[in-house]
Amino acid sequence: MLIALLATASILASVARAGPGWQCNGPDYIALPAATKLDHIWENCADDQSSAPWMSMLEIGEIMFESMCPTFNSEGDQMPLGWTGNVRQKYIHTVGAVGKVEWVDMGGHPYTGIFQGASQGIARLSLAQEPSPDALNTAPGMGLKFLRDGVDSANLVAMFDVAGQESWNFFENIFTAHIPEVSGPLVFLGAKFYTATNNIRQVGVSNWAMFGEDGKEVANPVFPYRLRFQPTGEIEFSDEYVHEFTEDLKSIPADSVLYNILALDQPEELGGVEAQIGQLVLRSEMITSLWGDQWLYIRHDDEAHDLVLKPEWNQYTPQFGPFFENDPTQSSKCPYSRNV
């Protein structure tokens, strides 16, 4: 009986790891060309265009049992296994819409790798938690991924503020990869992320500069301190609730410019200058996707990896926790592969 139970558990874990459709992690998958990987992801996303259910507060509480390290250091483009042995759940940003995107480079900057332009990308636009139609507050955010030939993808997440905004217009505010200070009840969520990194308010972008879309390693990668994503003003929705936010997103035409991409070259305290370096352009329809909601994995690259390469930025980068831990060589608490 025990052997049978263990065998069943092993089968279930295998199913959870593979997921529906194409498997989008593991060395064989990562070795594929970028275009093939994007095709696999998109086919998975398009297969079932329903949305996942929102997480209940009780279910969200389960995040306290999870290690946060897989959020920062898992390879591949599919959610890894969680502490239950099944696929790791998304406790926040549960519901969203996905679309193929291109990073259109505007030139005139020194940044390398994906910053020089890439066409094999996917963006997921979502809300951090279930909003109330009777309230104005929503918490929009973006997960962004660009595939690369033979090496792992470049990933980032960006929001306006984890506390949200007083509008249902998804494009009301600029998204940033360096969010404002976390306060109030959200401090408990910040404390959970702190178990993996002191840099809970930023995501790193150095990995974006290390490999281009062709998978070739850059000898001397150059990357900005901070990225921001500025709405163009061409896409705008009602401040008041009209219908599900995903209906708004699905109405965006292909080839629309979603965001102007702004890069700050170094901290402002060091004389940093922000300039537009590109545009994020939608190259498909936006669709709701059960696979995108439950399986698509967007890695949060640890800011500490950027700060180790640029230690002069460290003192101007706010960290969570005691002041004596403000050290980039110590702030990342999870194992890390250079190709992640």
C-alpha atoms as a PDB file:
ATOM      1  CA  MET A   1       0.000   0.000   0.000  1.00  0.00           C
ATOM      2  CA  LEU A   2       2.794   2.426   0.929  1.00  0.00           C
ATOM      3  CA  ILE A   3       4.612   1.667  -2.321  1.00  0.00           C
ATOM      4  CA  ALA A   4       1.422   2.290  -4.275  1.00  0.00           C
ATOM      5  CA  LEU A   5       0.865   5.622  -2.504  1.00  0.00           C
ATOM      6  CA  LEU A   6       4.433   6.705  -3.147  1.00  0.00           C
ATOM      7  CA  ALA A   7       4.126   5.745  -6.809  1.00  0.00           C
ATOM      8  CA  THR A   8       0.905   7.727  -7.116  1.00  0.00           C
ATOM      9  CA  ALA A   9       2.530  10.741  -5.458  1.00  0.00           C
ATOM     10  CA  SER A  10       5.448  10.484  -7.868  1.00  0.00           C
ATOM     11  CA  ILE A  11       3.088  10.426 -10.871  1.00  0.00           C
ATOM     12  CA  LEU A  12       1.152  13.425  -9.566  1.00  0.00           C
ATOM     13  CA  ALA A  13       4.364  15.360  -8.975  1.00  0.00           C
ATOM     14  CA  SER A  14       5.475  14.528 -12.505  1.00  0.00           C
ATOM     15  CA  VAL A  15       2.193  15.779 -13.917  1.00  0.00           C
ATOM     16  CA  ALA A  16       2.459  18.937 -11.830  1.00  0.00           C
ATOM     17  CA  ARG A  17       5.969  19.542 -13.062  1.00  0.00           C
ATOM     18  CA  ALA A  18       5.073  19.063 -16.710  1.00  0.00           C
ATOM     19  CA  GLY A  19       1.748  20.912 -16.640  1.00  0.00           C
ATOM     20  CA  PRO A  20      -0.650  21.042 -19.588  1.00  0.00           C
ATOM     21  CA  GLY A  21       0.805  21.303 -23.074  1.00  0.00           C
ATOM     22  CA  TRP A  22       4.509  21.945 -23.633  1.00  0.00           C
ATOM     23  CA  GLN A  23       6.903  21.670 -20.723  1.00  0.00           C
ATOM     24  CA  CYS A  24       8.694  25.008 -20.411  1.00  0.00           C
ATOM     25  CA  ASN A  25      11.555  24.241 -18.053  1.00  0.00           C
ATOM     26  CA  GLY A  26      14.502  21.870 -17.820  1.00  0.00           C
ATOM     27  CA  PRO A  27      17.802  21.811 -19.740  1.00  0.00           C
ATOM     28  CA  ASP A  28      16.347  20.440 -22.987  1.00  0.00           C
ATOM     29  CA  TYR A  29      13.804  23.251 -23.085  1.00  0.00           C
ATOM     30  CA  ILE A  30      16.291  25.991 -22.186  1.00  0.00           C
ATOM     31  CA  ALA A  31      18.588  24.799 -25.012  1.00  0.00           C
ATOM     32  CA  LEU A  32      15.884  25.571 -27.609  1.00  0.00           C
ATOM     33  CA  PRO A  33      15.897  28.681 -29.838  1.00  0.00           C
ATOM     34  CA  ALA A  34      14.101  31.704 -28.420  1.00  0.00           C
ATOM     35  CA  ALA A  35      11.385  31.627 -31.097  1.00  0.00           C
ATOM     36  CA  THR A  36      10.587  27.984 -30.369  1.00  0.00           C
ATOM     37  CA  LYS A  37      10.341  28.645 -26.646  1.00  0.00           C
ATOM     38  CA  LEU A  38       7.980  31.564 -27.233  1.00  0.00           C
ATOM     39  CA  ASP A  39       5.854  29.400 -29.540  1.00  0.00           C
ATOM     40  CA  HIS A  40       5.580  26.761 -26.809  1.00  0.00           C
ATOM     41  CA  ILE A  41       4.648  29.311 -24.167  1.00  0.00           C
ATOM     42  CA  TRP A  42       2.071  30.971 -26.401  1.00  0.00           C
ATOM     43  CA  GLU A  43       0.513  27.661 -27.436  1.00  0.00           C
ATOM     44  CA  ASN A  44       0.159  26.763 -23.760  1.00  0.00           C
ATOM     45  CA  CYS A  45      -1.357  30.167 -22.993  1.00  0.00           C
ATOM     46  CA  ALA A  46      -3.831  30.095 -25.872  1.00  0.00           C
ATOM     47  CA  ASP A  47      -5.084  26.567 -25.199  1.00  0.00           C
ATOM     48  CA  ASP A  48      -7.505  27.605 -22.428  1.00  0.00           C
ATOM     49  CA  GLN A  49      -8.409  31.289 -22.418  1.00  0.00           C
ATOM     50  CA  SER A  50     -10.310  31.231 -19.152  1.00  0.00           C
ATOM     51  CA  SER A  51      -8.938  32.931 -16.046  1.00  0.00           C
ATOM     52  CA  ALA A  52      -7.784  31.343 -12.821  1.00  0.00           C
ATOM     53  CA  PRO A  53      -9.877  32.009  -9.708  1.00  0.00           C
ATOM     54  CA  TRP A  54      -8.743  34.716  -7.330  1.00  0.00           C
ATOM     55  CA  MET A  55      -6.979  33.495  -4.211  1.00  0.00           C
ATOM     56  CA  SER A  56      -8.930  33.687  -0.958  1.00  0.00           C
ATOM     57  CA  MET A  57      -7.298  35.321   2.058  1.00  0.00           C
ATOM     58  CA  LEU A  58      -6.912  31.866   3.624  1.00  0.00           C
ATOM     59  CA  GLU A  59      -5.141  30.577   0.524  1.00  0.00           C
ATOM     60  CA  ILE A  60      -2.913  33.665   0.370  1.00  0.00           C
ATOM     61  CA  GLY A  61      -1.853  32.882   3.948  1.00  0.00           C
ATOM     62  CA  GLU A  62      -0.289  29.659   2.674  1.00  0.00           C
ATOM     63  CA  ILE A  63       2.563  31.749   1.249  1.00  0.00           C
ATOM     64  CA  MET A  64       4.028  31.791   4.759  1.00  0.00           C
ATOM     65  CA  PHE A  65       4.828  28.072   4.369  1.00  0.00           C
ATOM     66  CA  GLU A  66       6.638  28.546   1.059  1.00  0.00           C
ATOM     67  CA  SER A  67      10.313  29.220   0.558  1.00  0.00           C
ATOM     68  CA  MET A  68      10.714  32.470  -1.361  1.00  0.00           C
ATOM     69  CA  CYS A  69      13.949  31.365  -3.038  1.00  0.00           C
ATOM     70  CA  PRO A  70      12.254  29.725  -6.069  1.00  0.00           C
ATOM     71  CA  THR A  71      10.756  33.135  -6.857  1.00  0.00           C
ATOM     72  CA  PHE A  72      14.304  34.448  -7.327  1.00  0.00           C
ATOM     73  CA  ASN A  73      16.386  31.555  -8.602  1.00  0.00           C
ATOM     74  CA  SER A  74      14.321  28.984 -10.542  1.00  0.00           C
ATOM     75  CA  GLU A  75      15.345  28.343 -14.123  1.00  0.00           C
ATOM     76  CA  GLY A  76      12.906  28.095 -17.004  1.00  0.00           C
ATOM     77  CA  ASP A  77       9.592  29.729 -17.834  1.00  0.00           C
ATOM     78  CA  GLN A  78       7.183  27.445 -15.974  1.00  0.00           C
ATOM     79  CA  MET A  79       6.290  27.543 -12.298  1.00  0.00           C
ATOM     80  CA  PRO A  80       8.443  25.161 -10.217  1.00  0.00           C
ATOM     81  CA  LEU A  81       7.076  22.783  -7.610  1.00  0.00           C
ATOM     82  CA  GLY A  82       5.875  24.170  -4.303  1.00  0.00           C
ATOM     83  CA  TRP A  83       6.129  22.897  -0.755  1.00  0.00           C
ATOM     84  CA  THR A  84       3.121  20.591  -1.286  1.00  0.00           C
ATOM     85  CA  GLY A  85       4.876  18.718  -4.094  1.00  0.00           C
ATOM     86  CA  ASN A  86       2.429  20.173  -6.632  1.00  0.00           C
ATOM     87  CA  VAL A  87       3.002  23.171  -8.848  1.00  0.00           C
ATOM     88  CA  ARG A  88       3.900  26.286  -6.901  1.00  0.00           C
ATOM     89  CA  GLN A  89       0.912  28.611  -6.660  1.00  0.00           C
ATOM     90  CA  LYS A  90       0.714  32.295  -7.450  1.00  0.00           C
ATOM     91  CA  TYR A  91      -0.624  33.864  -4.265  1.00  0.00           C
ATOM     92  CA  ILE A  92      -0.599  37.386  -5.647  1.00  0.00           C
ATOM     93  CA  HIS A  93      -1.147  38.586  -9.233  1.00  0.00           C
ATOM     94  CA  THR A  94      -3.394  35.569  -9.656  1.00  0.00           C
ATOM     95  CA  VAL A  95      -5.418  36.874 -12.611  1.00  0.00           C
ATOM     96  CA  GLY A  96      -4.102  38.631 -15.693  1.00  0.00           C
ATOM     97  CA  ALA A  97      -3.759  38.743 -19.468  1.00  0.00           C
ATOM     98  CA  VAL A  98      -0.783  37.901 -21.669  1.00  0.00           C
ATOM     99  CA  GLY A  99       0.515  39.120 -25.009  1.00  0.00           C
ATOM    100  CA  LYS A 100       3.585  38.758 -27.208  1.00  0.00           C
ATOM    101  CA  VAL A 101       5.803  41.827 -27.064  1.00  0.00           C
ATOM    102  CA  GLU A 102       8.864  43.340 -28.723  1.00  0.00           C
ATOM    103  CA  TRP A 103      11.519  45.506 -27.068  1.00  0.00           C
ATOM    104  CA  VAL A 104      12.165  48.172 -29.705  1.00  0.00           C
ATOM    105  CA  ASP A 105      15.527  49.767 -29.068  1.00  0.00           C
ATOM    106  CA  MET A 106      15.868  53.514 -29.640  1.00  0.00           C
ATOM    107  CA  GLY A 107      19.664  53.495 -29.450  1.00  0.00           C
ATOM    108  CA  GLY A 108      21.806  56.237 -27.965  1.00  0.00           C
ATOM    109  CA  HIS A 109      22.667  54.276 -24.803  1.00  0.00           C
ATOM    110  CA  PRO A 110      25.495  51.951 -23.724  1.00  0.00           C
ATOM    111  CA  TYR A 111      23.395  49.050 -22.430  1.00  0.00           C
ATOM    112  CA  THR A 112      23.974  45.559 -23.790  1.00  0.00           C
ATOM    113  CA  GLY A 113      22.121  42.272 -24.277  1.00  0.00           C
ATOM    114  CA  ILE A 114      18.325  42.492 -24.412  1.00  0.00           C
ATOM    115  CA  PHE A 115      18.564  46.270 -23.967  1.00  0.00           C
ATOM    116  CA  GLN A 116      19.700  46.431 -27.603  1.00  0.00           C
ATOM    117  CA  GLY A 117      16.345  45.067 -28.738  1.00  0.00           C
ATOM    118  CA  ALA A 118      14.497  41.750 -28.722  1.00  0.00           C
ATOM    119  CA  SER A 119      11.436  40.365 -30.476  1.00  0.00           C
ATOM    120  CA  GLN A 120      10.725  37.118 -28.609  1.00  0.00           C
ATOM    121  CA  GLY A 121       8.981  38.447 -25.522  1.00  0.00           C
ATOM    122  CA  ILE A 122       5.829  37.967 -23.517  1.00  0.00           C
ATOM    123  CA  ALA A 123       4.204  40.360 -21.061  1.00  0.00           C
ATOM    124  CA  ARG A 124       1.648  39.472 -18.408  1.00  0.00           C
ATOM    125  CA  LEU A 125      -0.456  42.339 -17.069  1.00  0.00           C
ATOM    126  CA  SER A 126      -2.263  41.568 -13.823  1.00  0.00           C
ATOM    127  CA  LEU A 127      -3.669  42.899 -10.556  1.00  0.00           C
ATOM    128  CA  ALA A 128      -1.962  42.004  -7.294  1.00  0.00           C
ATOM    129  CA  GLN A 129      -5.226  41.109  -5.566  1.00  0.00           C
ATOM    130  CA  GLU A 130      -8.915  40.864  -6.283  1.00  0.00           C
ATOM    131  CA  PRO A 131     -10.395  44.366  -6.445  1.00  0.00           C
ATOM    132  CA  SER A 132     -13.873  45.404  -5.367  1.00  0.00           C
ATOM    133  CA  PRO A 133     -16.018  46.906  -8.152  1.00  0.00           C
ATOM    134  CA  ASP A 134     -17.377  49.335  -5.554  1.00  0.00           C
ATOM    135  CA  ALA A 135     -13.926  50.736  -4.772  1.00  0.00           C
ATOM    136  CA  LEU A 136     -11.469  52.673  -6.918  1.00  0.00           C
ATOM    137  CA  ASN A 137      -8.364  50.926  -5.589  1.00  0.00           C
ATOM    138  CA  THR A 138      -6.555  48.509  -7.918  1.00  0.00           C
ATOM    139  CA  ALA A 139      -2.946  47.268  -7.817  1.00  0.00           C
ATOM    140  CA  PRO A 140      -1.760  46.744 -11.420  1.00  0.00           C
ATOM    141  CA  GLY A 141       1.603  45.274 -12.324  1.00  0.00           C
ATOM    142  CA  MET A 142       3.550  43.678 -15.146  1.00  0.00           C
ATOM    143  CA  GLY A 143       5.672  40.585 -15.513  1.00  0.00           C
ATOM    144  CA  LEU A 144       8.009  40.769 -18.517  1.00  0.00           C
ATOM    145  CA  LYS A 145      10.009  37.978 -20.117  1.00  0.00           C
ATOM    146  CA  PHE A 146      12.289  37.802 -23.146  1.00  0.00           C
ATOM    147  CA  LEU A 147      13.436  34.443 -24.475  1.00  0.00           C
ATOM    148  CA  ARG A 148      17.000  33.804 -25.621  1.00  0.00           C
ATOM    149  CA  ASP A 149      18.594  31.119 -27.811  1.00  0.00           C
ATOM    150  CA  GLY A 150      20.077  28.323 -25.722  1.00  0.00           C
ATOM    151  CA  VAL A 151      20.140  30.199 -22.391  1.00  0.00           C
ATOM    152  CA  ASP A 152      17.549  31.090 -19.805  1.00  0.00           C
ATOM    153  CA  SER A 153      15.171  33.998 -20.303  1.00  0.00           C
ATOM    154  CA  ALA A 154      15.487  37.558 -19.015  1.00  0.00           C
ATOM    155  CA  ASN A 155      12.734  38.440 -16.534  1.00  0.00           C
ATOM    156  CA  LEU A 156      11.489  41.358 -14.466  1.00  0.00           C
ATOM    157  CA  VAL A 157       8.434  42.576 -12.610  1.00  0.00           C
ATOM    158  CA  ALA A 158       7.263  46.181 -12.249  1.00  0.00           C
ATOM    159  CA  MET A 159       4.434  48.007 -10.492  1.00  0.00           C
ATOM    160  CA  PHE A 160       3.330  51.515  -9.608  1.00  0.00           C
ATOM    161  CA  ASP A 161       2.957  50.732  -5.890  1.00  0.00           C
ATOM    162  CA  VAL A 162       2.056  47.581  -3.976  1.00  0.00           C
ATOM    163  CA  ALA A 163      -0.548  49.688  -2.156  1.00  0.00           C
ATOM    164  CA  GLY A 164      -2.242  50.278  -5.497  1.00  0.00           C
ATOM    165  CA  GLN A 165      -3.786  53.300  -7.188  1.00  0.00           C
ATOM    166  CA  GLU A 166      -7.121  55.121  -6.992  1.00  0.00           C
ATOM    167  CA  SER A 167      -8.242  54.135 -10.478  1.00  0.00           C
ATOM    168  CA  TRP A 168      -9.400  51.187 -12.595  1.00  0.00           C
ATOM    169  CA  ASN A 169      -7.368  52.539 -15.518  1.00  0.00           C
ATOM    170  CA  PHE A 170      -4.563  49.987 -15.871  1.00  0.00           C
ATOM    171  CA  PHE A 171      -2.400  52.592 -17.624  1.00  0.00           C
ATOM    172  CA  GLU A 172      -2.948  55.388 -15.119  1.00  0.00           C
ATOM    173  CA  ASN A 173       0.595  55.378 -13.709  1.00  0.00           C
ATOM    174  CA  ILE A 174       4.225  54.612 -14.516  1.00  0.00           C
ATOM    175  CA  PHE A 175       5.427  51.147 -13.511  1.00  0.00           C
ATOM    176  CA  THR A 176       8.838  50.856 -11.881  1.00  0.00           C
ATOM    177  CA  ALA A 177      11.222  48.031 -11.040  1.00  0.00           C
ATOM    178  CA  HIS A 178      12.087  49.977  -7.842  1.00  0.00           C
ATOM    179  CA  ILE A 179       8.819  50.299  -5.943  1.00  0.00           C
ATOM    180  CA  PRO A 180       8.080  52.775  -3.102  1.00  0.00           C
ATOM    181  CA  GLU A 181       8.462  51.837   0.543  1.00  0.00           C
ATOM    182  CA  VAL A 182       6.131  49.115   1.801  1.00  0.00           C
ATOM    183  CA  SER A 183       3.987  50.114   4.789  1.00  0.00           C
ATOM    184  CA  GLY A 184       0.967  49.045   6.825  1.00  0.00           C
ATOM    185  CA  PRO A 185      -0.258  45.429   6.600  1.00  0.00           C
ATOM    186  CA  LEU A 186       1.894  44.889   3.487  1.00  0.00           C
ATOM    187  CA  VAL A 187       4.960  44.923   5.747  1.00  0.00           C
ATOM    188  CA  PHE A 188       4.136  41.307   6.605  1.00  0.00           C
ATOM    189  CA  LEU A 189       4.424  40.397   2.923  1.00  0.00           C
ATOM    190  CA  GLY A 190       7.660  42.375   2.750  1.00  0.00           C
ATOM    191  CA  ALA A 191       8.998  40.419   5.716  1.00  0.00           C
ATOM    192  CA  LYS A 192       8.287  37.191   3.841  1.00  0.00           C
ATOM    193  CA  PHE A 193      10.239  38.378   0.784  1.00  0.00           C
ATOM    194  CA  TYR A 194      13.010  39.431   3.191  1.00  0.00           C
ATOM    195  CA  THR A 195      13.632  35.743   3.921  1.00  0.00           C
ATOM    196  CA  ALA A 196      15.118  35.587   0.408  1.00  0.00           C
ATOM    197  CA  THR A 197      16.623  39.055  -0.066  1.00  0.00           C
ATOM    198  CA  ASN A 198      17.098  42.343   1.740  1.00  0.00           C
ATOM    199  CA  ASN A 199      16.237  44.113  -1.529  1.00  0.00           C
ATOM    200  CA  ILE A 200      12.486  43.556  -1.416  1.00  0.00           C
ATOM    201  CA  ARG A 201      11.717  46.849  -3.226  1.00  0.00           C
ATOM    202  CA  GLN A 202      13.803  46.298  -6.336  1.00  0.00           C
ATOM    203  CA  VAL A 203      14.458  43.694  -9.003  1.00  0.00           C
ATOM    204  CA  GLY A 204      17.814  43.465 -10.720  1.00  0.00           C
ATOM    205  CA  VAL A 205      18.388  43.845 -14.450  1.00  0.00           C
ATOM    206  CA  SER A 206      22.069  42.911 -14.835  1.00  0.00           C
ATOM    207  CA  ASN A 207      21.105  39.520 -16.277  1.00  0.00           C
ATOM    208  CA  TRP A 208      19.307  41.304 -19.124  1.00  0.00           C
ATOM    209  CA  ALA A 209      22.652  42.755 -20.212  1.00  0.00           C
ATOM    210  CA  MET A 210      24.646  39.495 -20.074  1.00  0.00           C
ATOM    211  CA  PHE A 211      23.115  37.729 -23.097  1.00  0.00           C
ATOM    212  CA  GLY A 212      21.366  38.966 -26.222  1.00  0.00           C
ATOM    213  CA  GLU A 213      18.358  37.299 -27.783  1.00  0.00           C
ATOM    214  CA  ASP A 214      20.803  35.217 -29.850  1.00  0.00           C
ATOM    215  CA  GLY A 215      22.149  33.703 -26.627  1.00  0.00           C
ATOM    216  CA  LYS A 216      25.653  35.089 -27.121  1.00  0.00           C
ATOM    217  CA  GLU A 217      27.333  36.113 -23.890  1.00  0.00           C
ATOM    218  CA  VAL A 218      28.391  39.732 -23.602  1.00  0.00           C
ATOM    219  CA  ALA A 219      32.024  40.156 -22.550  1.00  0.00           C
ATOM    220  CA  ASN A 220      31.446  43.440 -20.710  1.00  0.00           C
ATOM    221  CA  PRO A 221      27.755  43.768 -19.848  1.00  0.00           C
ATOM    222  CA  VAL A 222      26.402  47.257 -19.202  1.00  0.00           C
ATOM    223  CA  PHE A 223      23.055  47.762 -17.474  1.00  0.00           C
ATOM    224  CA  PRO A 224      21.077  50.649 -15.957  1.00  0.00           C
ATOM    225  CA  TYR A 225      20.360  51.182 -12.275  1.00  0.00           C
ATOM    226  CA  ARG A 226      16.577  51.329 -12.696  1.00  0.00           C
ATOM    227  CA  LEU A 227      13.915  50.776 -15.335  1.00  0.00           C
ATOM    228  CA  ARG A 228      10.524  52.477 -15.526  1.00  0.00           C
ATOM    229  CA  PHE A 229       7.660  51.834 -17.939  1.00  0.00           C
ATOM    230  CA  GLN A 230       5.738  54.960 -18.905  1.00  0.00           C
ATOM    231  CA  PRO A 231       2.259  54.739 -20.471  1.00  0.00           C
ATOM    232  CA  THR A 232       2.127  56.604 -23.786  1.00  0.00           C
ATOM    233  CA  GLY A 233      -1.327  58.099 -23.168  1.00  0.00           C
ATOM    234  CA  GLU A 234      -2.648  56.305 -26.267  1.00  0.00           C
ATOM    235  CA  ILE A 235      -4.171  53.490 -24.180  1.00  0.00           C
ATOM    236  CA  GLU A 236      -6.556  54.671 -21.503  1.00  0.00           C
ATOM    237  CA  PHE A 237      -9.529  53.212 -19.671  1.00  0.00           C
ATOM    238  CA  SER A 238     -12.159  54.503 -17.256  1.00  0.00           C
ATOM    239  CA  ASP A 239     -11.155  55.416 -13.698  1.00  0.00           C
ATOM    240  CA  GLU A 240     -14.436  53.859 -12.561  1.00  0.00           C
ATOM    241  CA  TYR A 241     -15.309  50.169 -12.724  1.00  0.00           C
ATOM    242  CA  VAL A 242     -16.990  49.224 -16.014  1.00  0.00           C
ATOM    243  CA  HIS A 243     -16.205  45.512 -16.356  1.00  0.00           C
ATOM    244  CA  GLU A 244     -13.402  43.088 -15.516  1.00  0.00           C
ATOM    245  CA  PHE A 245     -10.003  44.692 -16.075  1.00  0.00           C
ATOM    246  CA  THR A 246      -9.037  41.811 -18.360  1.00  0.00           C
ATOM    247  CA  GLU A 247     -11.738  42.950 -20.800  1.00  0.00           C
ATOM    248  CA  ASP A 248      -9.969  46.290 -21.061  1.00  0.00           C
ATOM    249  CA  LEU A 249      -6.638  44.591 -21.696  1.00  0.00           C
ATOM    250  CA  LYS A 250      -8.083  42.283 -24.359  1.00  0.00           C
ATOM    251  CA  SER A 251      -9.312  45.323 -26.287  1.00  0.00           C
ATOM    252  CA  ILE A 252      -5.771  46.632 -26.939  1.00  0.00           C
ATOM    253  CA  PRO A 253      -4.926  46.254 -30.651  1.00  0.00           C
ATOM    254  CA  ALA A 254      -1.809  44.415 -31.775  1.00  0.00           C
ATOM    255  CA  ASP A 255       1.152  46.691 -32.601  1.00  0.00           C
ATOM    256  CA  SER A 256       0.150  49.179 -29.901  1.00  0.00           C
ATOM    257  CA  VAL A 257       2.962  50.758 -27.912  1.00  0.00           C
ATOM    258  CA  LEU A 258       2.284  49.629 -24.359  1.00  0.00           C
ATOM    259  CA  TYR A 259       5.037  51.613 -22.643  1.00  0.00           C
ATOM    260  CA  ASN A 260       7.957  53.912 -23.251  1.00  0.00           C
ATOM    261  CA  ILE A 261      10.981  52.359 -21.525  1.00  0.00           C
ATOM    262  CA  LEU A 262      12.945  54.721 -19.289  1.00  0.00           C
ATOM    263  CA  ALA A 263      16.378  53.867 -17.862  1.00  0.00           C
ATOM    264  CA  LEU A 264      18.216  55.617 -15.019  1.00  0.00           C
ATOM    265  CA  ASP A 265      21.929  55.068 -15.559  1.00  0.00           C
ATOM    266  CA  GLN A 266      22.958  55.333 -11.884  1.00  0.00           C
ATOM    267  CA  PRO A 267      21.433  56.518  -8.590  1.00  0.00           C
ATOM    268  CA  GLU A 268      20.312  60.124  -8.634  1.00  0.00           C
ATOM    269  CA  GLU A 269      22.640  60.834  -5.692  1.00  0.00           C
ATOM    270  CA  LEU A 270      25.539  60.018  -8.028  1.00  0.00           C
ATOM    271  CA  GLY A 271      24.217  62.307 -10.753  1.00  0.00           C
ATOM    272  CA  GLY A 272      22.089  59.681 -12.484  1.00  0.00           C
ATOM    273  CA  VAL A 273      20.202  60.692 -15.620  1.00  0.00           C
ATOM    274  CA  GLU A 274      17.020  59.027 -16.835  1.00  0.00           C
ATOM    275  CA  ALA A 275      16.423  58.701 -20.580  1.00  0.00           C
ATOM    276  CA  GLN A 276      14.060  56.827 -22.848  1.00  0.00           C
ATOM    277  CA  ILE A 277      15.885  53.872 -24.378  1.00  0.00           C
ATOM    278  CA  GLY A 278      13.087  51.949 -26.054  1.00  0.00           C
ATOM    279  CA  GLN A 279       9.442  51.049 -26.418  1.00  0.00           C
ATOM    280  CA  LEU A 280       7.538  47.945 -25.392  1.00  0.00           C
ATOM    281  CA  VAL A 281       5.278  47.080 -28.336  1.00  0.00           C
ATOM    282  CA  LEU A 282       2.446  44.539 -28.293  1.00  0.00           C
ATOM    283  CA  ARG A 283       2.857  42.130 -31.232  1.00  0.00           C
ATOM    284  CA  SER A 284      -0.258  39.991 -30.745  1.00  0.00           C
ATOM    285  CA  GLU A 285      -3.672  40.212 -29.210  1.00  0.00           C
ATOM    286  CA  MET A 286      -3.901  40.231 -25.418  1.00  0.00           C
ATOM    287  CA  ILE A 287      -5.623  37.111 -24.113  1.00  0.00           C
ATOM    288  CA  THR A 288      -6.708  35.752 -20.774  1.00  0.00           C
ATOM    289  CA  SER A 289      -5.046  32.410 -20.098  1.00  0.00           C
ATOM    290  CA  LEU A 290      -5.414  29.738 -17.465  1.00  0.00           C
ATOM    291  CA  TRP A 291      -1.852  28.565 -18.158  1.00  0.00           C
ATOM    292  CA  GLY A 292      -0.598  32.117 -17.988  1.00  0.00           C
ATOM    293  CA  ASP A 293      -2.321  32.647 -14.634  1.00  0.00           C
ATOM    294  CA  GLN A 294      -1.261  29.365 -13.064  1.00  0.00           C
ATOM    295  CA  TRP A 295       1.897  28.203 -14.839  1.00  0.00           C
ATOM    296  CA  LEU A 296       3.781  31.086 -16.477  1.00  0.00           C
ATOM    297  CA  TYR A 297       6.789  31.850 -14.279  1.00  0.00           C
ATOM    298  CA  ILE A 298       8.281  35.342 -14.128  1.00  0.00           C
ATOM    299  CA  ARG A 299      11.508  35.334 -12.134  1.00  0.00           C
ATOM    300  CA  HIS A 300      12.251  38.219  -9.753  1.00  0.00           C
ATOM    301  CA  ASP A 301      15.998  38.738 -10.286  1.00  0.00           C
ATOM    302  CA  ASP A 302      17.622  39.793  -7.018  1.00  0.00           C
ATOM    303  CA  GLU A 303      18.853  43.395  -6.960  1.00  0.00           C
ATOM    304  CA  ALA A 304      21.777  42.189  -4.848  1.00  0.00           C
ATOM    305  CA  HIS A 305      23.322  40.644  -7.974  1.00  0.00           C
ATOM    306  CA  ASP A 306      23.378  44.079  -9.623  1.00  0.00           C
ATOM    307  CA  LEU A 307      24.854  45.699  -6.503  1.00  0.00           C
ATOM    308  CA  VAL A 308      27.700  43.190  -6.266  1.00  0.00           C
ATOM    309  CA  LEU A 309      28.696  44.262  -9.784  1.00  0.00           C
ATOM    310  CA  LYS A 310      28.100  47.942  -8.954  1.00  0.00           C
ATOM    311  CA  PRO A 311      28.960  48.299  -5.240  1.00  0.00           C
ATOM    312  CA  GLU A 312      29.012  52.102  -5.516  1.00  0.00           C
ATOM    313  CA  TRP A 313      25.213  51.952  -5.958  1.00  0.00           C
ATOM    314  CA  ASN A 314      24.615  50.050  -2.737  1.00  0.00           C
ATOM    315  CA  GLN A 315      24.415  52.897  -0.211  1.00  0.00           C
ATOM    316  CA  TYR A 316      21.733  54.614  -2.298  1.00  0.00           C
ATOM    317  CA  THR A 317      19.563  51.500  -2.636  1.00  0.00           C
ATOM    318  CA  PRO A 318      17.064  51.068   0.231  1.00  0.00           C
ATOM    319  CA  GLN A 319      17.019  47.665   1.872  1.00  0.00           C
ATOM    320  CA  PHE A 320      14.573  46.015   4.227  1.00  0.00           C
ATOM    321  CA  GLY A 321      15.912  45.047   7.635  1.00  0.00           C
ATOM    322  CA  PRO A 322      18.562  46.279  10.065  1.00  0.00           C
ATOM    323  CA  PHE A 323      21.067  48.828   8.796  1.00  0.00           C
ATOM    324  CA  PHE A 324      24.018  46.533   9.476  1.00  0.00           C
ATOM    325  CA  GLU A 325      22.744  44.146   6.804  1.00  0.00           C
ATOM    326  CA  ASN A 326      23.059  46.795   4.102  1.00  0.00           C
ATOM    327  CA  ASP A 327      25.721  44.788   2.259  1.00  0.00           C
ATOM    328  CA  PRO A 328      25.151  43.468  -1.270  1.00  0.00           C
ATOM    329  CA  THR A 329      27.504  40.539  -0.747  1.00  0.00           C
ATOM    330  CA  GLN A 330      25.296  39.305   2.102  1.00  0.00           C
ATOM    331  CA  SER A 331      21.820  40.473   1.157  1.00  0.00           C
ATOM    332  CA  SER A 332      20.897  37.639  -1.226  1.00  0.00           C
ATOM    333  CA  LYS A 333      19.931  34.623   0.854  1.00  0.00           C
ATOM    334  CA  CYS A 334      19.315  32.142  -1.993  1.00  0.00           C
ATOM    335  CA  PRO A 335      21.694  30.073  -4.149  1.00  0.00           C
ATOM    336  CA  TYR A 336      22.256  31.710  -7.530  1.00  0.00           C
ATOM    337  CA  SER A 337      23.412  30.608 -10.970  1.00  0.00           C
ATOM    338  CA  ARG A 338      25.034  33.272 -13.148  1.00  0.00           C
ATOM    339  CA  ASN A 339      22.826  32.230 -16.057  1.00  0.00           C
ATOM    340  CA  VAL A 340      19.654  32.827 -14.022  1.00  0.00           C
END
